[in-house]
Amino acid sequence: MFNKVATVTSLDNYILLVVFENGTSKKYDIKPLFNKWDTFKSLTNQQGLYELVKVDVGGFGISWNDDIDLSCNELWNNGVEQQSSVNRREIIQMQ
């Protein structure tokens, strides 16, 4: 089962706010990936790249460019759930 991404927002300190199609909101810290995968270091080295994050077609993940992406399962499994959920109407308005 996939928990598809509806929206993603880049926050300060390399934290992403991810809203899934079911209304669940999670924060995902990408800083640990800088030491794990060299390609993610580009998000700190190339000014403005981090802010270009977008939801991939179909909501199966997010990406910054052709080399840097994360799957919806990674975001769902390792994100920290936030207290408030978002309803479907709010998701549509955010898009």
PDB file of N, CA and C in Angstrom:
ATOM      1  N   MET A   1       0.839  -1.181   0.000  1.00  0.00           N
ATOM      2  CA  MET A   1       0.000   0.000   0.000  1.00  0.00           C
ATOM      3  C   MET A   1       0.877   1.235   0.000  1.00  0.00           C
ATOM      4  N   PHE A   2       0.479   2.214  -0.801  1.00  0.00           N
ATOM      5  CA  PHE A   2       1.208   3.466  -0.868  1.00  0.00           C
ATOM      6  C   PHE A   2       0.415   4.554  -0.169  1.00  0.00           C
ATOM      7  N   ASN A   3       1.101   5.365   0.598  1.00  0.00           N
ATOM      8  CA  ASN A   3       0.511   6.572   1.173  1.00  0.00           C
ATOM      9  C   ASN A   3       1.010   7.719   0.313  1.00  0.00           C
ATOM     10  N   LYS A   4       0.208   8.097  -0.654  1.00  0.00           N
ATOM     11  CA  LYS A   4       0.638   9.071  -1.652  1.00  0.00           C
ATOM     12  C   LYS A   4       0.738  10.476  -1.065  1.00  0.00           C
ATOM     13  N   VAL A   5       1.722  11.211  -1.574  1.00  0.00           N
ATOM     14  CA  VAL A   5       1.965  12.582  -1.149  1.00  0.00           C
ATOM     15  C   VAL A   5       1.020  13.514  -1.900  1.00  0.00           C
ATOM     16  N   ALA A   6       0.392  14.427  -1.155  1.00  0.00           N
ATOM     17  CA  ALA A   6      -0.460  15.448  -1.777  1.00  0.00           C
ATOM     18  C   ALA A   6       0.318  16.749  -1.952  1.00  0.00           C
ATOM     19  N   THR A   7       1.018  17.174  -0.892  1.00  0.00           N
ATOM     20  CA  THR A   7       1.802  18.406  -0.965  1.00  0.00           C
ATOM     21  C   THR A   7       3.089  18.237  -0.165  1.00  0.00           C
ATOM     22  N   VAL A   8       4.086  19.040  -0.524  1.00  0.00           N
ATOM     23  CA  VAL A   8       5.338  19.081   0.235  1.00  0.00           C
ATOM     24  C   VAL A   8       5.786  20.532   0.306  1.00  0.00           C
ATOM     25  N   THR A   9       6.277  20.927   1.473  1.00  0.00           N
ATOM     26  CA  THR A   9       6.757  22.281   1.702  1.00  0.00           C
ATOM     27  C   THR A   9       8.128  22.206   2.346  1.00  0.00           C
ATOM     28  N   SER A  10       9.063  22.976   1.826  1.00  0.00           N
ATOM     29  CA  SER A  10      10.397  23.032   2.430  1.00  0.00           C
ATOM     30  C   SER A  10      10.367  24.046   3.575  1.00  0.00           C
ATOM     31  N   LEU A  11      10.743  23.580   4.751  1.00  0.00           N
ATOM     32  CA  LEU A  11      10.808  24.431   5.932  1.00  0.00           C
ATOM     33  C   LEU A  11      12.275  24.730   6.256  1.00  0.00           C
ATOM     34  N   ASP A  12      12.498  25.596   7.226  1.00  0.00           N
ATOM     35  CA  ASP A  12      13.856  25.909   7.657  1.00  0.00           C
ATOM     36  C   ASP A  12      14.553  24.667   8.198  1.00  0.00           C
ATOM     37  N   ASN A  13      15.881  24.713   8.197  1.00  0.00           N
ATOM     38  CA  ASN A  13      16.717  23.679   8.800  1.00  0.00           C
ATOM     39  C   ASN A  13      16.567  22.319   8.124  1.00  0.00           C
ATOM     40  N   TYR A  14      16.226  22.322   6.831  1.00  0.00           N
ATOM     41  CA  TYR A  14      16.126  21.097   6.029  1.00  0.00           C
ATOM     42  C   TYR A  14      15.102  20.098   6.574  1.00  0.00           C
ATOM     43  N   ILE A  15      13.971  20.662   6.975  1.00  0.00           N
ATOM     44  CA  ILE A  15      12.816  19.864   7.395  1.00  0.00           C
ATOM     45  C   ILE A  15      11.734  20.043   6.335  1.00  0.00           C
ATOM     46  N   LEU A  16      11.121  18.953   5.925  1.00  0.00           N
ATOM     47  CA  LEU A  16      10.020  19.005   4.965  1.00  0.00           C
ATOM     48  C   LEU A  16       8.702  18.780   5.695  1.00  0.00           C
ATOM     49  N   LEU A  17       7.686  19.524   5.311  1.00  0.00           N
ATOM     50  CA  LEU A  17       6.332  19.266   5.785  1.00  0.00           C
ATOM     51  C   LEU A  17       5.612  18.559   4.651  1.00  0.00           C
ATOM     52  N   VAL A  18       5.229  17.324   4.900  1.00  0.00           N
ATOM     53  CA  VAL A  18       4.607  16.489   3.877  1.00  0.00           C
ATOM     54  C   VAL A  18       3.165  16.207   4.295  1.00  0.00           C
ATOM     55  N   VAL A  19       2.236  16.503   3.398  1.00  0.00           N
ATOM     56  CA  VAL A  19       0.830  16.174   3.621  1.00  0.00           C
ATOM     57  C   VAL A  19       0.475  15.062   2.646  1.00  0.00           C
ATOM     58  N   PHE A  20      -0.065  13.996   3.189  1.00  0.00           N
ATOM     59  CA  PHE A  20      -0.438  12.838   2.384  1.00  0.00           C
ATOM     60  C   PHE A  20      -1.900  12.936   1.966  1.00  0.00           C
ATOM     61  N   GLU A  21      -2.270  12.174   0.962  1.00  0.00           N
ATOM     62  CA  GLU A  21      -3.636  12.224   0.434  1.00  0.00           C
ATOM     63  C   GLU A  21      -4.695  11.876   1.465  1.00  0.00           C
ATOM     64  N   ASN A  22      -4.325  11.110   2.487  1.00  0.00           N
ATOM     65  CA  ASN A  22      -5.303  10.759   3.521  1.00  0.00           C
ATOM     66  C   ASN A  22      -5.430  11.849   4.589  1.00  0.00           C
ATOM     67  N   GLY A  23      -4.707  12.968   4.426  1.00  0.00           N
ATOM     68  CA  GLY A  23      -4.801  14.090   5.358  1.00  0.00           C
ATOM     69  C   GLY A  23      -3.746  14.105   6.442  1.00  0.00           C
ATOM     70  N   THR A  24      -2.988  13.041   6.569  1.00  0.00           N
ATOM     71  CA  THR A  24      -1.933  12.980   7.576  1.00  0.00           C
ATOM     72  C   THR A  24      -0.795  13.920   7.194  1.00  0.00           C
ATOM     73  N   SER A  25      -0.318  14.676   8.193  1.00  0.00           N
ATOM     74  CA  SER A  25       0.820  15.573   7.999  1.00  0.00           C
ATOM     75  C   SER A  25       2.011  15.026   8.765  1.00  0.00           C
ATOM     76  N   LYS A  26       3.175  15.035   8.114  1.00  0.00           N
ATOM     77  CA  LYS A  26       4.391  14.573   8.775  1.00  0.00           C
ATOM     78  C   LYS A  26       5.537  15.518   8.445  1.00  0.00           C
ATOM     79  N   LYS A  27       6.454  15.641   9.396  1.00  0.00           N
ATOM     80  CA  LYS A  27       7.689  16.375   9.145  1.00  0.00           C
ATOM     81  C   LYS A  27       8.796  15.352   8.924  1.00  0.00           C
ATOM     82  N   TYR A  28       9.616  15.633   7.925  1.00  0.00           N
ATOM     83  CA  TYR A  28      10.701  14.722   7.559  1.00  0.00           C
ATOM     84  C   TYR A  28      12.003  15.518   7.542  1.00  0.00           C
ATOM     85  N   ASP A  29      12.951  15.104   8.365  1.00  0.00           N
ATOM     86  CA  ASP A  29      14.260  15.745   8.467  1.00  0.00           C
ATOM     87  C   ASP A  29      15.202  15.102   7.451  1.00  0.00           C
ATOM     88  N   ILE A  30      15.677  15.887   6.489  1.00  0.00           N
ATOM     89  CA  ILE A  30      16.550  15.308   5.476  1.00  0.00           C
ATOM     90  C   ILE A  30      18.034  15.400   5.843  1.00  0.00           C
ATOM     91  N   LYS A  31      18.382  16.073   6.926  1.00  0.00           N
ATOM     92  CA  LYS A  31      19.799  16.228   7.300  1.00  0.00           C
ATOM     93  C   LYS A  31      20.552  14.899   7.445  1.00  0.00           C
ATOM     94  N   PRO A  32      19.967  13.852   8.010  1.00  0.00           N
ATOM     95  CA  PRO A  32      20.703  12.582   8.101  1.00  0.00           C
ATOM     96  C   PRO A  32      21.105  12.012   6.735  1.00  0.00           C
ATOM     97  N   LEU A  33      20.395  12.395   5.687  1.00  0.00           N
ATOM     98  CA  LEU A  33      20.711  11.887   4.348  1.00  0.00           C
ATOM     99  C   LEU A  33      21.979  12.511   3.780  1.00  0.00           C
ATOM    100  N   PHE A  34      22.391  13.664   4.309  1.00  0.00           N
ATOM    101  CA  PHE A  34      23.603  14.322   3.816  1.00  0.00           C
ATOM    102  C   PHE A  34      24.839  13.444   4.007  1.00  0.00           C
ATOM    103  N   ASN A  35      24.881  12.709   5.105  1.00  0.00           N
ATOM    104  CA  ASN A  35      26.020  11.825   5.384  1.00  0.00           C
ATOM    105  C   ASN A  35      25.847  10.442   4.754  1.00  0.00           C
ATOM    106  N   LYS A  36      24.623  10.091   4.460  1.00  0.00           N
ATOM    107  CA  LYS A  36      24.347   8.762   3.920  1.00  0.00           C
ATOM    108  C   LYS A  36      24.477   8.709   2.395  1.00  0.00           C
ATOM    109  N   TRP A  37      24.035   9.760   1.695  1.00  0.00           N
ATOM    110  CA  TRP A  37      24.016   9.804   0.235  1.00  0.00           C
ATOM    111  C   TRP A  37      24.632  11.120  -0.225  1.00  0.00           C
ATOM    112  N   ASP A  38      25.717  11.059  -0.956  1.00  0.00           N
ATOM    113  CA  ASP A  38      26.408  12.259  -1.418  1.00  0.00           C
ATOM    114  C   ASP A  38      25.518  13.183  -2.235  1.00  0.00           C
ATOM    115  N   THR A  39      24.624  12.630  -3.004  1.00  0.00           N
ATOM    116  CA  THR A  39      23.783  13.452  -3.873  1.00  0.00           C
ATOM    117  C   THR A  39      22.937  14.455  -3.090  1.00  0.00           C
ATOM    118  N   PHE A  40      22.555  14.102  -1.860  1.00  0.00           N
ATOM    119  CA  PHE A  40      21.734  15.007  -1.051  1.00  0.00           C
ATOM    120  C   PHE A  40      22.507  16.228  -0.575  1.00  0.00           C
ATOM    121  N   LYS A  41      23.843  16.176  -0.568  1.00  0.00           N
ATOM    122  CA  LYS A  41      24.655  17.333  -0.189  1.00  0.00           C
ATOM    123  C   LYS A  41      24.434  18.498  -1.142  1.00  0.00           C
ATOM    124  N   SER A  42      23.998  18.209  -2.365  1.00  0.00           N
ATOM    125  CA  SER A  42      23.705  19.271  -3.332  1.00  0.00           C
ATOM    126  C   SER A  42      22.643  20.232  -2.814  1.00  0.00           C
ATOM    127  N   LEU A  43      21.764  19.743  -1.954  1.00  0.00           N
ATOM    128  CA  LEU A  43      20.705  20.593  -1.412  1.00  0.00           C
ATOM    129  C   LEU A  43      21.266  21.698  -0.531  1.00  0.00           C
ATOM    130  N   THR A  44      22.457  21.501   0.008  1.00  0.00           N
ATOM    131  CA  THR A  44      23.099  22.535   0.818  1.00  0.00           C
ATOM    132  C   THR A  44      24.096  23.344   0.006  1.00  0.00           C
ATOM    133  N   ASN A  45      24.646  22.768  -1.054  1.00  0.00           N
ATOM    134  CA  ASN A  45      25.689  23.421  -1.843  1.00  0.00           C
ATOM    135  C   ASN A  45      25.151  24.317  -2.946  1.00  0.00           C
ATOM    136  N   GLN A  46      23.999  23.985  -3.499  1.00  0.00           N
ATOM    137  CA  GLN A  46      23.432  24.751  -4.611  1.00  0.00           C
ATOM    138  C   GLN A  46      22.307  25.642  -4.089  1.00  0.00           C
ATOM    139  N   GLN A  47      22.588  26.926  -4.041  1.00  0.00           N
ATOM    140  CA  GLN A  47      21.636  27.874  -3.489  1.00  0.00           C
ATOM    141  C   GLN A  47      20.282  27.790  -4.201  1.00  0.00           C
ATOM    142  N   GLY A  48      19.223  27.672  -3.404  1.00  0.00           N
ATOM    143  CA  GLY A  48      17.865  27.637  -3.931  1.00  0.00           C
ATOM    144  C   GLY A  48      17.345  26.271  -4.332  1.00  0.00           C
ATOM    145  N   LEU A  49      18.211  25.273  -4.433  1.00  0.00           N
ATOM    146  CA  LEU A  49      17.765  23.947  -4.865  1.00  0.00           C
ATOM    147  C   LEU A  49      16.810  23.321  -3.858  1.00  0.00           C
ATOM    148  N   TYR A  50      17.123  23.420  -2.578  1.00  0.00           N
ATOM    149  CA  TYR A  50      16.286  22.808  -1.538  1.00  0.00           C
ATOM    150  C   TYR A  50      14.829  23.267  -1.646  1.00  0.00           C
ATOM    151  N   GLU A  51      14.616  24.538  -1.930  1.00  0.00           N
ATOM    152  CA  GLU A  51      13.275  25.098  -1.996  1.00  0.00           C
ATOM    153  C   GLU A  51      12.492  24.637  -3.221  1.00  0.00           C
ATOM    154  N   LEU A  52      13.145  24.016  -4.187  1.00  0.00           N
ATOM    155  CA  LEU A  52      12.486  23.579  -5.418  1.00  0.00           C
ATOM    156  C   LEU A  52      11.785  22.223  -5.302  1.00  0.00           C
ATOM    157  N   VAL A  53      11.709  21.663  -4.118  1.00  0.00           N
ATOM    158  CA  VAL A  53      11.089  20.354  -3.930  1.00  0.00           C
ATOM    159  C   VAL A  53       9.657  20.358  -4.467  1.00  0.00           C
ATOM    160  N   LYS A  54       9.279  19.254  -5.104  1.00  0.00           N
ATOM    161  CA  LYS A  54       7.930  19.134  -5.655  1.00  0.00           C
ATOM    162  C   LYS A  54       7.446  17.692  -5.524  1.00  0.00           C
ATOM    163  N   VAL A  55       6.152  17.529  -5.583  1.00  0.00           N
ATOM    164  CA  VAL A  55       5.537  16.201  -5.556  1.00  0.00           C
ATOM    165  C   VAL A  55       5.646  15.604  -6.948  1.00  0.00           C
ATOM    166  N   ASP A  56       6.088  14.361  -7.022  1.00  0.00           N
ATOM    167  CA  ASP A  56       6.159  13.659  -8.302  1.00  0.00           C
ATOM    168  C   ASP A  56       4.757  13.324  -8.813  1.00  0.00           C
ATOM    169  N   VAL A  57       4.652  13.156 -10.101  1.00  0.00           N
ATOM    170  CA  VAL A  57       3.369  12.798 -10.723  1.00  0.00           C
ATOM    171  C   VAL A  57       2.829  11.526 -10.061  1.00  0.00           C
ATOM    172  N   GLY A  58       1.590  11.569  -9.663  1.00  0.00           N
ATOM    173  CA  GLY A  58       0.954  10.415  -9.029  1.00  0.00           C
ATOM    174  C   GLY A  58       1.107  10.393  -7.524  1.00  0.00           C
ATOM    175  N   GLY A  59       1.986  11.239  -6.965  1.00  0.00           N
ATOM    176  CA  GLY A  59       2.150  11.306  -5.516  1.00  0.00           C
ATOM    177  C   GLY A  59       2.978  10.192  -4.908  1.00  0.00           C
ATOM    178  N   PHE A  60       3.718   9.445  -5.746  1.00  0.00           N
ATOM    179  CA  PHE A  60       4.498   8.318  -5.232  1.00  0.00           C
ATOM    180  C   PHE A  60       5.837   8.734  -4.627  1.00  0.00           C
ATOM    181  N   GLY A  61       6.115  10.023  -4.621  1.00  0.00           N
ATOM    182  CA  GLY A  61       7.345  10.520  -4.027  1.00  0.00           C
ATOM    183  C   GLY A  61       7.488  12.001  -4.266  1.00  0.00           C
ATOM    184  N   ILE A  62       8.658  12.523  -3.895  1.00  0.00           N
ATOM    185  CA  ILE A  62       8.993  13.930  -4.105  1.00  0.00           C
ATOM    186  C   ILE A  62      10.359  13.984  -4.770  1.00  0.00           C
ATOM    187  N   SER A  63      10.650  15.110  -5.393  1.00  0.00           N
ATOM    188  CA  SER A  63      11.966  15.241  -6.017  1.00  0.00           C
ATOM    189  C   SER A  63      12.365  16.702  -6.098  1.00  0.00           C
ATOM    190  N   TRP A  64      13.659  16.878  -6.264  1.00  0.00           N
ATOM    191  CA  TRP A  64      14.240  18.194  -6.475  1.00  0.00           C
ATOM    192  C   TRP A  64      14.719  18.328  -7.923  1.00  0.00           C
ATOM    193  N   ASN A  65      15.266  17.247  -8.442  1.00  0.00           N
ATOM    194  CA  ASN A  65      15.731  17.196  -9.831  1.00  0.00           C
ATOM    195  C   ASN A  65      15.798  15.723 -10.236  1.00  0.00           C
ATOM    196  N   ASP A  66      16.446  15.426 -11.338  1.00  0.00           N
ATOM    197  CA  ASP A  66      16.499  14.031 -11.816  1.00  0.00           C
ATOM    198  C   ASP A  66      17.351  13.120 -10.936  1.00  0.00           C
ATOM    199  N   ASP A  67      18.200  13.709 -10.095  1.00  0.00           N
ATOM    200  CA  ASP A  67      19.116  12.916  -9.271  1.00  0.00           C
ATOM    201  C   ASP A  67      18.700  12.779  -7.811  1.00  0.00           C
ATOM    202  N   ILE A  68      17.851  13.679  -7.335  1.00  0.00           N
ATOM    203  CA  ILE A  68      17.519  13.701  -5.907  1.00  0.00           C
ATOM    204  C   ILE A  68      16.016  13.511  -5.729  1.00  0.00           C
ATOM    205  N   ASP A  69      15.655  12.404  -5.072  1.00  0.00           N
ATOM    206  CA  ASP A  69      14.243  12.143  -4.819  1.00  0.00           C
ATOM    207  C   ASP A  69      14.068  11.252  -3.597  1.00  0.00           C
ATOM    208  N   LEU A  70      12.854  11.204  -3.104  1.00  0.00           N
ATOM    209  CA  LEU A  70      12.483  10.336  -1.982  1.00  0.00           C
ATOM    210  C   LEU A  70      11.128   9.719  -2.285  1.00  0.00           C
ATOM    211  N   SER A  71      10.950   8.475  -1.895  1.00  0.00           N
ATOM    212  CA  SER A  71       9.679   7.787  -2.137  1.00  0.00           C
ATOM    213  C   SER A  71       8.655   8.162  -1.070  1.00  0.00           C
ATOM    214  N   CYS A  72       7.392   7.985  -1.422  1.00  0.00           N
ATOM    215  CA  CYS A  72       6.323   8.249  -0.465  1.00  0.00           C
ATOM    216  C   CYS A  72       6.438   7.319   0.739  1.00  0.00           C
ATOM    217  N   ASN A  73       6.911   6.104   0.529  1.00  0.00           N
ATOM    218  CA  ASN A  73       7.063   5.167   1.653  1.00  0.00           C
ATOM    219  C   ASN A  73       8.146   5.623   2.623  1.00  0.00           C
ATOM    220  N   GLU A  74       9.248   6.143   2.107  1.00  0.00           N
ATOM    221  CA  GLU A  74      10.309   6.671   2.971  1.00  0.00           C
ATOM    222  C   GLU A  74       9.771   7.826   3.821  1.00  0.00           C
ATOM    223  N   LEU A  75       9.057   8.718   3.201  1.00  0.00           N
ATOM    224  CA  LEU A  75       8.501   9.870   3.913  1.00  0.00           C
ATOM    225  C   LEU A  75       7.473   9.433   4.954  1.00  0.00           C
ATOM    226  N   TRP A  76       6.639   8.467   4.594  1.00  0.00           N
ATOM    227  CA  TRP A  76       5.605   7.973   5.510  1.00  0.00           C
ATOM    228  C   TRP A  76       6.234   7.220   6.691  1.00  0.00           C
ATOM    229  N   ASN A  77       7.154   6.323   6.394  1.00  0.00           N
ATOM    230  CA  ASN A  77       7.728   5.466   7.434  1.00  0.00           C
ATOM    231  C   ASN A  77       8.665   6.213   8.375  1.00  0.00           C
ATOM    232  N   ASN A  78       9.340   7.243   7.897  1.00  0.00           N
ATOM    233  CA  ASN A  78      10.355   7.909   8.711  1.00  0.00           C
ATOM    234  C   ASN A  78      10.023   9.352   9.053  1.00  0.00           C
ATOM    235  N   GLY A  79       8.873   9.826   8.620  1.00  0.00           N
ATOM    236  CA  GLY A  79       8.431  11.166   9.001  1.00  0.00           C
ATOM    237  C   GLY A  79       7.799  11.135  10.381  1.00  0.00           C
ATOM    238  N   VAL A  80       7.764  12.290  11.015  1.00  0.00           N
ATOM    239  CA  VAL A  80       7.170  12.420  12.352  1.00  0.00           C
ATOM    240  C   VAL A  80       5.787  13.051  12.195  1.00  0.00           C
ATOM    241  N   GLU A  81       4.777  12.295  12.612  1.00  0.00           N
ATOM    242  CA  GLU A  81       3.405  12.756  12.437  1.00  0.00           C
ATOM    243  C   GLU A  81       3.136  14.001  13.269  1.00  0.00           C
ATOM    244  N   GLN A  82       2.413  14.931  12.661  1.00  0.00           N
ATOM    245  CA  GLN A  82       2.037  16.171  13.319  1.00  0.00           C
ATOM    246  C   GLN A  82       0.643  16.032  13.904  1.00  0.00           C
ATOM    247  N   GLN A  83       0.353  16.845  14.898  1.00  0.00           N
ATOM    248  CA  GLN A  83      -0.913  16.741  15.623  1.00  0.00           C
ATOM    249  C   GLN A  83      -2.135  16.940  14.735  1.00  0.00           C
ATOM    250  N   SER A  84      -2.118  17.983  13.925  1.00  0.00           N
ATOM    251  CA  SER A  84      -3.320  18.272  13.146  1.00  0.00           C
ATOM    252  C   SER A  84      -3.262  17.600  11.786  1.00  0.00           C
ATOM    253  N   SER A  85      -4.384  17.107  11.377  1.00  0.00           N
ATOM    254  CA  SER A  85      -4.509  16.526  10.049  1.00  0.00           C
ATOM    255  C   SER A  85      -5.145  17.559   9.127  1.00  0.00           C
ATOM    256  N   VAL A  86      -5.106  17.269   7.861  1.00  0.00           N
ATOM    257  CA  VAL A  86      -5.665  18.156   6.857  1.00  0.00           C
ATOM    258  C   VAL A  86      -6.755  17.380   6.132  1.00  0.00           C
ATOM    259  N   ASN A  87      -7.888  18.027   5.902  1.00  0.00           N
ATOM    260  CA  ASN A  87      -8.938  17.306   5.177  1.00  0.00           C
ATOM    261  C   ASN A  87      -8.744  17.459   3.676  1.00  0.00           C
ATOM    262  N   ARG A  88      -9.441  16.669   2.929  1.00  0.00           N
ATOM    263  CA  ARG A  88      -9.259  16.607   1.469  1.00  0.00           C
ATOM    264  C   ARG A  88      -9.481  17.967   0.797  1.00  0.00           C
ATOM    265  N   ARG A  89     -10.439  18.722   1.252  1.00  0.00           N
ATOM    266  CA  ARG A  89     -10.723  20.044   0.668  1.00  0.00           C
ATOM    267  C   ARG A  89      -9.520  20.970   0.870  1.00  0.00           C
ATOM    268  N   GLU A  90      -8.911  20.939   2.053  1.00  0.00           N
ATOM    269  CA  GLU A  90      -7.736  21.766   2.323  1.00  0.00           C
ATOM    270  C   GLU A  90      -6.560  21.356   1.445  1.00  0.00           C
ATOM    271  N   ILE A  91      -6.408  20.055   1.200  1.00  0.00           N
ATOM    272  CA  ILE A  91      -5.333  19.556   0.338  1.00  0.00           C
ATOM    273  C   ILE A  91      -5.503  20.125  -1.070  1.00  0.00           C
ATOM    274  N   ILE A  92      -6.721  20.102  -1.580  1.00  0.00           N
ATOM    275  CA  ILE A  92      -6.977  20.610  -2.922  1.00  0.00           C
ATOM    276  C   ILE A  92      -6.647  22.098  -2.996  1.00  0.00           C
ATOM    277  N   GLN A  93      -6.978  22.843  -1.961  1.00  0.00           N
ATOM    278  CA  GLN A  93      -6.697  24.277  -1.936  1.00  0.00           C
ATOM    279  C   GLN A  93      -5.199  24.555  -1.881  1.00  0.00           C
ATOM    280  N   MET A  94      -4.399  23.662  -1.251  1.00  0.00           N
ATOM    281  CA  MET A  94      -2.960  23.856  -1.144  1.00  0.00           C
ATOM    282  C   MET A  94      -2.256  23.587  -2.469  1.00  0.00           C
ATOM    283  N   GLN A  95      -2.861  22.810  -3.341  1.00  0.00           N
ATOM    284  CA  GLN A  95      -2.203  22.431  -4.586  1.00  0.00           C
ATOM    285  C   GLN A  95      -2.194  23.519  -5.611  1.00  0.00           C
TER     286      GLN A  95
END
